């Protein structure tokens, strides 16, 4: 009964991580820095901090559930 619930949370954390990583702003300027285009894509500092915290929380949850579910400790 507990394993299917944990697997559902594991899948949710996996999909959430995919979405959150895609939402992150790039750290480097890339090719946009050459022509001065980097100033067009500035983001709010508090939104970035919140996004980082949620991403790290889901990462820890995903990795912890991966270890628990793959080790077979709940069988």
PDB file of N, CA and C in Angstrom:
ATOM      1  N   UNK A   1       0.816  -1.195   0.000  1.00  0.00           N
ATOM      2  CA  UNK A   1       0.000   0.000   0.000  1.00  0.00           C
ATOM      3  C   UNK A   1       0.865   1.266   0.000  1.00  0.00           C
ATOM      4  N   UNK A   2       1.970   1.237   0.718  1.00  0.00           N
ATOM      5  CA  UNK A   2       2.834   2.411   0.819  1.00  0.00           C
ATOM      6  C   UNK A   2       3.689   2.604  -0.436  1.00  0.00           C
ATOM      7  N   UNK A   3       4.086   1.513  -1.058  1.00  0.00           N
ATOM      8  CA  UNK A   3       4.987   1.609  -2.214  1.00  0.00           C
ATOM      9  C   UNK A   3       4.348   2.345  -3.394  1.00  0.00           C
ATOM     10  N   UNK A   4       3.081   2.054  -3.767  1.00  0.00           N
ATOM     11  CA  UNK A   4       2.487   2.827  -4.887  1.00  0.00           C
ATOM     12  C   UNK A   4       2.362   4.323  -4.582  1.00  0.00           C
ATOM     13  N   UNK A   5       2.120   4.685  -3.333  1.00  0.00           N
ATOM     14  CA  UNK A   5       2.041   6.101  -2.974  1.00  0.00           C
ATOM     15  C   UNK A   5       3.410   6.760  -3.136  1.00  0.00           C
ATOM     16  N   UNK A   6       4.452   6.087  -2.643  1.00  0.00           N
ATOM     17  CA  UNK A   6       5.801   6.628  -2.782  1.00  0.00           C
ATOM     18  C   UNK A   6       6.231   6.710  -4.244  1.00  0.00           C
ATOM     19  N   UNK A   7       5.807   5.730  -5.042  1.00  0.00           N
ATOM     20  CA  UNK A   7       6.128   5.783  -6.472  1.00  0.00           C
ATOM     21  C   UNK A   7       5.423   6.958  -7.145  1.00  0.00           C
ATOM     22  N   UNK A   8       4.207   7.262  -6.725  1.00  0.00           N
ATOM     23  CA  UNK A   8       3.496   8.424  -7.267  1.00  0.00           C
ATOM     24  C   UNK A   8       4.187   9.725  -6.902  1.00  0.00           C
ATOM     25  N   UNK A   9       4.641   9.838  -5.654  1.00  0.00           N
ATOM     26  CA  UNK A   9       5.381  11.029  -5.225  1.00  0.00           C
ATOM     27  C   UNK A   9       6.700  11.118  -5.980  1.00  0.00           C
ATOM     28  N   UNK A  10       7.330   9.973  -6.217  1.00  0.00           N
ATOM     29  CA  UNK A  10       8.593   9.932  -6.959  1.00  0.00           C
ATOM     30  C   UNK A  10       8.407  10.440  -8.394  1.00  0.00           C
ATOM     31  N   UNK A  11       7.338   9.988  -9.055  1.00  0.00           N
ATOM     32  CA  UNK A  11       7.063  10.434 -10.428  1.00  0.00           C
ATOM     33  C   UNK A  11       6.745  11.931 -10.442  1.00  0.00           C
ATOM     34  N   UNK A  12       5.954  12.402  -9.467  1.00  0.00           N
ATOM     35  CA  UNK A  12       5.636  13.821  -9.378  1.00  0.00           C
ATOM     36  C   UNK A  12       6.904  14.658  -9.196  1.00  0.00           C
ATOM     37  N   UNK A  13       7.811  14.202  -8.328  1.00  0.00           N
ATOM     38  CA  UNK A  13       9.050  14.953  -8.112  1.00  0.00           C
ATOM     39  C   UNK A  13       9.925  14.943  -9.361  1.00  0.00           C
ATOM     40  N   UNK A  14       9.900  13.847 -10.083  1.00  0.00           N
ATOM     41  CA  UNK A  14      10.675  13.757 -11.329  1.00  0.00           C
ATOM     42  C   UNK A  14      10.153  14.756 -12.358  1.00  0.00           C
ATOM     43  N   UNK A  15       8.848  14.769 -12.576  1.00  0.00           N
ATOM     44  CA  UNK A  15       8.261  15.688 -13.553  1.00  0.00           C
ATOM     45  C   UNK A  15       8.416  17.141 -13.101  1.00  0.00           C
ATOM     46  N   UNK A  16       8.282  17.373 -11.804  1.00  0.00           N
ATOM     47  CA  UNK A  16       8.478  18.721 -11.280  1.00  0.00           C
ATOM     48  C   UNK A  16       9.893  19.215 -11.493  1.00  0.00           C
ATOM     49  N   UNK A  17      10.861  18.326 -11.296  1.00  0.00           N
ATOM     50  CA  UNK A  17      12.260  18.704 -11.527  1.00  0.00           C
ATOM     51  C   UNK A  17      12.510  19.061 -12.981  1.00  0.00           C
ATOM     52  N   UNK A  18      11.931  18.306 -13.878  1.00  0.00           N
ATOM     53  CA  UNK A  18      12.108  18.589 -15.305  1.00  0.00           C
ATOM     54  C   UNK A  18      11.588  19.981 -15.634  1.00  0.00           C
ATOM     55  N   UNK A  19      10.391  20.289 -15.143  1.00  0.00           N
ATOM     56  CA  UNK A  19       9.790  21.598 -15.419  1.00  0.00           C
ATOM     57  C   UNK A  19      10.609  22.717 -14.780  1.00  0.00           C
ATOM     58  N   UNK A  20      11.017  22.537 -13.525  1.00  0.00           N
ATOM     59  CA  UNK A  20      11.746  23.596 -12.828  1.00  0.00           C
ATOM     60  C   UNK A  20      13.116  23.856 -13.430  1.00  0.00           C
ATOM     61  N   UNK A  21      13.792  22.807 -13.858  1.00  0.00           N
ATOM     62  CA  UNK A  21      15.109  23.006 -14.487  1.00  0.00           C
ATOM     63  C   UNK A  21      14.952  23.777 -15.797  1.00  0.00           C
ATOM     64  N   UNK A  22      13.880  23.504 -16.523  1.00  0.00           N
ATOM     65  CA  UNK A  22      13.651  24.244 -17.763  1.00  0.00           C
ATOM     66  C   UNK A  22      13.260  25.696 -17.501  1.00  0.00           C
ATOM     67  N   UNK A  23      12.685  25.988 -16.341  1.00  0.00           N
ATOM     68  CA  UNK A  23      12.288  27.350 -16.005  1.00  0.00           C
ATOM     69  C   UNK A  23      13.447  28.220 -15.523  1.00  0.00           C
ATOM     70  N   UNK A  24      14.533  27.601 -15.101  1.00  0.00           N
ATOM     71  CA  UNK A  24      15.670  28.370 -14.595  1.00  0.00           C
ATOM     72  C   UNK A  24      16.257  29.254 -15.679  1.00  0.00           C
ATOM     73  N   UNK A  25      16.685  30.427 -15.249  1.00  0.00           N
ATOM     74  CA  UNK A  25      17.349  31.320 -16.200  1.00  0.00           C
ATOM     75  C   UNK A  25      18.802  30.878 -16.339  1.00  0.00           C
ATOM     76  N   UNK A  26      19.366  31.045 -17.519  1.00  0.00           N
ATOM     77  CA  UNK A  26      20.754  30.637 -17.698  1.00  0.00           C
ATOM     78  C   UNK A  26      21.693  31.512 -16.882  1.00  0.00           C
ATOM     79  N   UNK A  27      22.751  30.902 -16.360  1.00  0.00           N
ATOM     80  CA  UNK A  27      23.705  31.639 -15.530  1.00  0.00           C
ATOM     81  C   UNK A  27      24.683  32.456 -16.374  1.00  0.00           C
ATOM     82  N   UNK A  28      25.021  31.951 -17.522  1.00  0.00           N
ATOM     83  CA  UNK A  28      25.952  32.672 -18.388  1.00  0.00           C
ATOM     84  C   UNK A  28      25.210  33.459 -19.447  1.00  0.00           C
ATOM     85  N   UNK A  29      25.909  34.369 -20.083  1.00  0.00           N
ATOM     86  CA  UNK A  29      25.291  35.174 -21.124  1.00  0.00           C
ATOM     87  C   UNK A  29      25.159  34.416 -22.439  1.00  0.00           C
ATOM     88  N   UNK A  30      26.069  33.498 -22.674  1.00  0.00           N
ATOM     89  CA  UNK A  30      26.038  32.777 -23.932  1.00  0.00           C
ATOM     90  C   UNK A  30      26.335  33.699 -25.096  1.00  0.00           C
ATOM     91  N   UNK A  31      25.728  33.422 -26.224  1.00  0.00           N
ATOM     92  CA  UNK A  31      25.949  34.249 -27.410  1.00  0.00           C
ATOM     93  C   UNK A  31      25.226  35.582 -27.314  1.00  0.00           C
ATOM     94  N   UNK A  32      24.216  35.692 -26.428  1.00  0.00           N
ATOM     95  CA  UNK A  32      23.498  36.949 -26.271  1.00  0.00           C
ATOM     96  C   UNK A  32      24.350  38.043 -25.665  1.00  0.00           C
ATOM     97  N   UNK A  33      25.409  37.687 -24.950  1.00  0.00           N
ATOM     98  CA  UNK A  33      26.289  38.664 -24.335  1.00  0.00           C
ATOM     99  C   UNK A  33      27.141  39.417 -25.337  1.00  0.00           C
ATOM    100  N   UNK A  34      27.304  38.873 -26.521  1.00  0.00           N
ATOM    101  CA  UNK A  34      28.145  39.517 -27.538  1.00  0.00           C
ATOM    102  C   UNK A  34      27.512  40.827 -28.022  1.00  0.00           C
ATOM    103  N   UNK A  35      26.221  40.786 -28.297  1.00  0.00           N
ATOM    104  CA  UNK A  35      25.550  41.976 -28.823  1.00  0.00           C
ATOM    105  C   UNK A  35      24.826  42.785 -27.772  1.00  0.00           C
ATOM    106  N   UNK A  36      25.026  42.484 -26.502  1.00  0.00           N
ATOM    107  CA  UNK A  36      24.357  43.240 -25.456  1.00  0.00           C
ATOM    108  C   UNK A  36      22.927  42.805 -25.208  1.00  0.00           C
ATOM    109  N   UNK A  37      22.555  41.635 -25.657  1.00  0.00           N
ATOM    110  CA  UNK A  37      21.184  41.150 -25.500  1.00  0.00           C
ATOM    111  C   UNK A  37      20.910  40.589 -24.114  1.00  0.00           C
ATOM    112  N   UNK A  38      21.913  40.455 -23.274  1.00  0.00           N
ATOM    113  CA  UNK A  38      21.733  39.832 -21.968  1.00  0.00           C
ATOM    114  C   UNK A  38      20.845  40.668 -21.052  1.00  0.00           C
ATOM    115  N   UNK A  39      20.766  41.978 -21.251  1.00  0.00           N
ATOM    116  CA  UNK A  39      19.961  42.837 -20.396  1.00  0.00           C
ATOM    117  C   UNK A  39      18.467  42.669 -20.634  1.00  0.00           C
ATOM    118  N   UNK A  40      18.076  42.063 -21.725  1.00  0.00           N
ATOM    119  CA  UNK A  40      16.653  41.869 -22.016  1.00  0.00           C
ATOM    120  C   UNK A  40      16.024  40.808 -21.127  1.00  0.00           C
ATOM    121  N   UNK A  41      16.806  39.894 -20.629  1.00  0.00           N
ATOM    122  CA  UNK A  41      16.265  38.742 -19.918  1.00  0.00           C
ATOM    123  C   UNK A  41      16.643  38.735 -18.446  1.00  0.00           C
ATOM    124  N   UNK A  42      16.553  39.869 -17.766  1.00  0.00           N
ATOM    125  CA  UNK A  42      16.833  39.902 -16.332  1.00  0.00           C
ATOM    126  C   UNK A  42      15.633  39.383 -15.582  1.00  0.00           C
ATOM    127  N   UNK A  43      15.865  38.732 -14.442  1.00  0.00           N
ATOM    128  CA  UNK A  43      14.769  38.155 -13.665  1.00  0.00           C
ATOM    129  C   UNK A  43      14.767  38.733 -12.256  1.00  0.00           C
ATOM    130  N   UNK A  44      13.662  38.567 -11.589  1.00  0.00           N
ATOM    131  CA  UNK A  44      13.522  39.046 -10.228  1.00  0.00           C
ATOM    132  C   UNK A  44      14.318  38.150  -9.287  1.00  0.00           C
ATOM    133  N   UNK A  45      15.030  38.752  -8.345  1.00  0.00           N
ATOM    134  CA  UNK A  45      15.917  37.993  -7.455  1.00  0.00           C
ATOM    135  C   UNK A  45      15.139  37.070  -6.527  1.00  0.00           C
ATOM    136  N   UNK A  46      14.007  37.520  -5.981  1.00  0.00           N
ATOM    137  CA  UNK A  46      13.248  36.674  -5.057  1.00  0.00           C
ATOM    138  C   UNK A  46      12.601  35.503  -5.776  1.00  0.00           C
ATOM    139  N   UNK A  47      12.182  35.704  -7.008  1.00  0.00           N
ATOM    140  CA  UNK A  47      11.605  34.600  -7.779  1.00  0.00           C
ATOM    141  C   UNK A  47      12.666  33.540  -8.061  1.00  0.00           C
ATOM    142  N   UNK A  48      13.864  33.986  -8.349  1.00  0.00           N
ATOM    143  CA  UNK A  48      14.968  33.054  -8.611  1.00  0.00           C
ATOM    144  C   UNK A  48      15.342  32.277  -7.350  1.00  0.00           C
ATOM    145  N   UNK A  49      15.330  32.963  -6.207  1.00  0.00           N
ATOM    146  CA  UNK A  49      15.637  32.300  -4.939  1.00  0.00           C
ATOM    147  C   UNK A  49      14.587  31.246  -4.605  1.00  0.00           C
ATOM    148  N   UNK A  50      13.325  31.586  -4.794  1.00  0.00           N
ATOM    149  CA  UNK A  50      12.245  30.626  -4.539  1.00  0.00           C
ATOM    150  C   UNK A  50      12.344  29.441  -5.491  1.00  0.00           C
ATOM    151  N   UNK A  51      12.630  29.715  -6.741  1.00  0.00           N
ATOM    152  CA  UNK A  51      12.777  28.643  -7.727  1.00  0.00           C
ATOM    153  C   UNK A  51      13.926  27.716  -7.354  1.00  0.00           C
ATOM    154  N   UNK A  52      15.027  28.284  -6.862  1.00  0.00           N
ATOM    155  CA  UNK A  52      16.163  27.460  -6.431  1.00  0.00           C
ATOM    156  C   UNK A  52      15.797  26.585  -5.236  1.00  0.00           C
ATOM    157  N   UNK A  53      15.095  27.152  -4.261  1.00  0.00           N
ATOM    158  CA  UNK A  53      14.709  26.374  -3.077  1.00  0.00           C
ATOM    159  C   UNK A  53      13.774  25.230  -3.428  1.00  0.00           C
ATOM    160  N   UNK A  54      12.790  25.486  -4.269  1.00  0.00           N
ATOM    161  CA  UNK A  54      11.861  24.425  -4.659  1.00  0.00           C
ATOM    162  C   UNK A  54      12.584  23.355  -5.460  1.00  0.00           C
ATOM    163  N   UNK A  55      13.496  23.769  -6.326  1.00  0.00           N
ATOM    164  CA  UNK A  55      14.268  22.799  -7.118  1.00  0.00           C
ATOM    165  C   UNK A  55      15.114  21.916  -6.214  1.00  0.00           C
ATOM    166  N   UNK A  56      15.802  22.509  -5.230  1.00  0.00           N
ATOM    167  CA  UNK A  56      16.624  21.710  -4.314  1.00  0.00           C
ATOM    168  C   UNK A  56      15.768  20.783  -3.461  1.00  0.00           C
ATOM    169  N   UNK A  57      14.604  21.251  -3.030  1.00  0.00           N
ATOM    170  CA  UNK A  57      13.713  20.403  -2.234  1.00  0.00           C
ATOM    171  C   UNK A  57      13.247  19.197  -3.047  1.00  0.00           C
ATOM    172  N   UNK A  58      12.837  19.428  -4.279  1.00  0.00           N
ATOM    173  CA  UNK A  58      12.415  18.312  -5.123  1.00  0.00           C
ATOM    174  C   UNK A  58      13.582  17.389  -5.463  1.00  0.00           C
ATOM    175  N   UNK A  59      14.781  17.942  -5.590  1.00  0.00           N
ATOM    176  CA  UNK A  59      15.957  17.108  -5.860  1.00  0.00           C
ATOM    177  C   UNK A  59      16.233  16.164  -4.700  1.00  0.00           C
ATOM    178  N   UNK A  60      16.202  16.695  -3.479  1.00  0.00           N
ATOM    179  CA  UNK A  60      16.438  15.854  -2.298  1.00  0.00           C
ATOM    180  C   UNK A  60      15.349  14.805  -2.166  1.00  0.00           C
ATOM    181  N   UNK A  61      14.100  15.184  -2.401  1.00  0.00           N
ATOM    182  CA  UNK A  61      12.991  14.235  -2.332  1.00  0.00           C
ATOM    183  C   UNK A  61      13.148  13.140  -3.385  1.00  0.00           C
ATOM    184  N   UNK A  62      13.472  13.537  -4.614  1.00  0.00           N
ATOM    185  CA  UNK A  62      13.640  12.572  -5.694  1.00  0.00           C
ATOM    186  C   UNK A  62      14.787  11.601  -5.416  1.00  0.00           C
ATOM    187  N   UNK A  63      15.930  12.135  -4.991  1.00  0.00           N
ATOM    188  CA  UNK A  63      17.077  11.267  -4.727  1.00  0.00           C
ATOM    189  C   UNK A  63      16.823  10.342  -3.539  1.00  0.00           C
ATOM    190  N   UNK A  64      16.197  10.858  -2.490  1.00  0.00           N
ATOM    191  CA  UNK A  64      15.885  10.023  -1.327  1.00  0.00           C
ATOM    192  C   UNK A  64      14.926   8.897  -1.676  1.00  0.00           C
ATOM    193  N   UNK A  65      13.866   9.231  -2.422  1.00  0.00           N
ATOM    194  CA  UNK A  65      12.919   8.188  -2.823  1.00  0.00           C
ATOM    195  C   UNK A  65      13.541   7.199  -3.796  1.00  0.00           C
ATOM    196  N   UNK A  66      14.468   7.663  -4.628  1.00  0.00           N
ATOM    197  CA  UNK A  66      15.158   6.749  -5.537  1.00  0.00           C
ATOM    198  C   UNK A  66      15.942   5.704  -4.757  1.00  0.00           C
ATOM    199  N   UNK A  67      16.637   6.139  -3.727  1.00  0.00           N
ATOM    200  CA  UNK A  67      17.415   5.203  -2.906  1.00  0.00           C
ATOM    201  C   UNK A  67      16.492   4.240  -2.174  1.00  0.00           C
ATOM    202  N   UNK A  68      15.437   4.761  -1.547  1.00  0.00           N
ATOM    203  CA  UNK A  68      14.532   3.917  -0.761  1.00  0.00           C
ATOM    204  C   UNK A  68      13.811   2.910  -1.648  1.00  0.00           C
ATOM    205  N   UNK A  69      13.295   3.357  -2.799  1.00  0.00           N
ATOM    206  CA  UNK A  69      12.541   2.450  -3.665  1.00  0.00           C
ATOM    207  C   UNK A  69      13.439   1.433  -4.366  1.00  0.00           C
ATOM    208  N   UNK A  70      14.659   1.823  -4.725  1.00  0.00           N
ATOM    209  CA  UNK A  70      15.531   0.885  -5.424  1.00  0.00           C
ATOM    210  C   UNK A  70      16.201  -0.109  -4.497  1.00  0.00           C
ATOM    211  N   UNK A  71      16.353   0.248  -3.221  1.00  0.00           N
ATOM    212  CA  UNK A  71      17.008  -0.644  -2.274  1.00  0.00           C
ATOM    213  C   UNK A  71      16.094  -1.776  -1.820  1.00  0.00           C
ATOM    214  N   UNK A  72      14.809  -1.597  -1.997  1.00  0.00           N
ATOM    215  CA  UNK A  72      13.867  -2.636  -1.579  1.00  0.00           C
ATOM    216  C   UNK A  72      13.675  -2.711  -0.073  1.00  0.00           C
ATOM    217  N   UNK A  73      13.877  -1.616   0.628  1.00  0.00           N
ATOM    218  CA  UNK A  73      13.755  -1.611   2.077  1.00  0.00           C
ATOM    219  C   UNK A  73      12.308  -1.716   2.531  1.00  0.00           C
ATOM    220  N   UNK A  74      11.351  -1.455   1.663  1.00  0.00           N
ATOM    221  CA  UNK A  74       9.945  -1.449   2.051  1.00  0.00           C
ATOM    222  C   UNK A  74       9.221  -2.744   1.703  1.00  0.00           C
ATOM    223  N   UNK A  75       9.903  -3.691   1.117  1.00  0.00           N
ATOM    224  CA  UNK A  75       9.258  -4.958   0.707  1.00  0.00           C
ATOM    225  C   UNK A  75       8.888  -5.805   1.895  1.00  0.00           C
TER     226      UNK A  75
END
